[in-house]
């Protein structure tokens, strides 16, 4: 299950990064200000050195003018071994 969670995090970060490049032209400072978080947080997120909290996801979605659910669309855990 951890592998799936890691892959989901990578995919989510990739989606965010693409929207960030489109909307902010790679300007991490402008993005961090719009998301009301530290630029270091954004940098660490994009370098896969930091995970993402629900709070940060909502802030990032707001800055990207989208919904968290749109960013998460289609991502799910398929390992059902934990349900047994």
Protein backbone atom coordinates (compact mmCIF):
# COMPACT_ATOMS: atom_id res chain seq x y z
CA UNK A 1 0.00 0.00 0.00
CA UNK A 2 2.83 2.45 0.76
CA UNK A 3 4.06 2.13 -2.83
CA UNK A 4 0.64 3.15 -4.10
CA UNK A 5 0.55 6.12 -1.74
CA UNK A 6 3.98 7.21 -2.92
CA UNK A 7 2.86 6.95 -6.56
CA UNK A 8 -0.29 8.95 -5.79
CA UNK A 9 1.78 11.66 -4.16
CA UNK A 10 4.11 11.80 -7.17
CA UNK A 11 1.18 12.03 -9.58
CA UNK A 12 -0.53 14.73 -7.52
CA UNK A 13 2.68 16.75 -7.35
CA UNK A 14 3.13 16.34 -11.11
CA UNK A 15 -0.40 17.64 -11.75
CA UNK A 16 0.18 20.60 -9.46
CA UNK A 17 3.54 21.35 -11.07
CA UNK A 18 2.03 21.42 -14.57
CA UNK A 19 -0.70 23.83 -13.50
CA UNK A 20 1.88 25.91 -11.62
CA UNK A 21 4.03 26.24 -14.74
CA UNK A 22 0.99 27.23 -16.78
CA UNK A 23 -0.39 29.78 -14.32
CA UNK A 24 2.77 31.14 -12.67
CA UNK A 25 5.39 30.57 -15.40
CA UNK A 26 7.70 28.83 -12.94
CA UNK A 27 7.69 31.68 -10.41
CA UNK A 28 7.73 29.86 -7.07
CA UNK A 29 7.65 33.07 -5.06
CA UNK A 30 4.45 34.28 -6.73
CA UNK A 31 2.92 30.82 -6.34
CA UNK A 32 3.82 30.58 -2.67
CA UNK A 33 2.34 34.02 -2.01
CA UNK A 34 -0.89 33.09 -3.80
CA UNK A 35 -1.03 29.84 -1.79
CA UNK A 36 -0.23 31.66 1.48
CA UNK A 37 2.70 29.39 2.28
CA UNK A 38 6.48 29.55 2.39
CA UNK A 39 8.44 29.38 -0.87
CA UNK A 40 10.63 26.72 0.73
CA UNK A 41 7.53 24.54 1.16
CA UNK A 42 6.77 24.79 -2.55
CA UNK A 43 10.37 24.07 -3.50
CA UNK A 44 10.54 21.02 -1.22
CA UNK A 45 7.20 19.77 -2.52
CA UNK A 46 8.35 19.97 -6.15
CA UNK A 47 11.64 18.26 -5.27
CA UNK A 48 9.70 15.43 -3.57
CA UNK A 49 11.36 16.19 -0.27
CA UNK A 50 8.11 16.97 1.51
CA UNK A 51 4.65 15.47 1.67
CA UNK A 52 1.43 17.41 1.44
CA UNK A 53 -1.13 18.05 4.12
CA UNK A 54 -4.81 18.54 3.40
CA UNK A 55 -4.34 22.16 4.46
CA UNK A 56 -1.58 22.68 1.91
CA UNK A 57 -3.57 20.91 -0.80
CA UNK A 58 -6.47 23.33 -0.30
CA UNK A 59 -4.14 26.35 -0.33
CA UNK A 60 -2.46 25.15 -3.51
CA UNK A 61 -5.79 24.44 -5.19
CA UNK A 62 -6.96 27.95 -4.29
CA UNK A 63 -3.81 29.48 -5.77
CA UNK A 64 -4.26 27.44 -8.95
CA UNK A 65 -7.95 28.44 -9.12
CA UNK A 66 -9.12 24.84 -9.06
CA UNK A 67 -10.67 22.43 -6.58
CA UNK A 68 -8.74 19.86 -4.54
CA UNK A 69 -11.11 17.21 -5.89
CA UNK A 70 -10.10 18.10 -9.46
CA UNK A 71 -6.44 17.63 -8.55
CA UNK A 72 -7.22 14.26 -6.95
CA UNK A 73 -9.57 13.03 -9.68
CA UNK A 74 -8.92 9.42 -10.62
CA UNK A 75 -6.34 8.77 -7.90
CA UNK A 76 -7.16 5.88 -5.63
CA UNK A 77 -5.69 3.01 -3.65
CA UNK A 78 -6.30 -0.37 -5.24
CA UNK A 79 -4.60 -2.54 -2.62
CA UNK A 80 -7.56 -4.16 -0.87
CA UNK A 81 -5.47 -6.41 1.38
CA UNK A 82 -5.99 -3.99 4.26
CA UNK A 83 -9.76 -4.40 4.07
CA UNK A 84 -9.62 -8.07 5.09
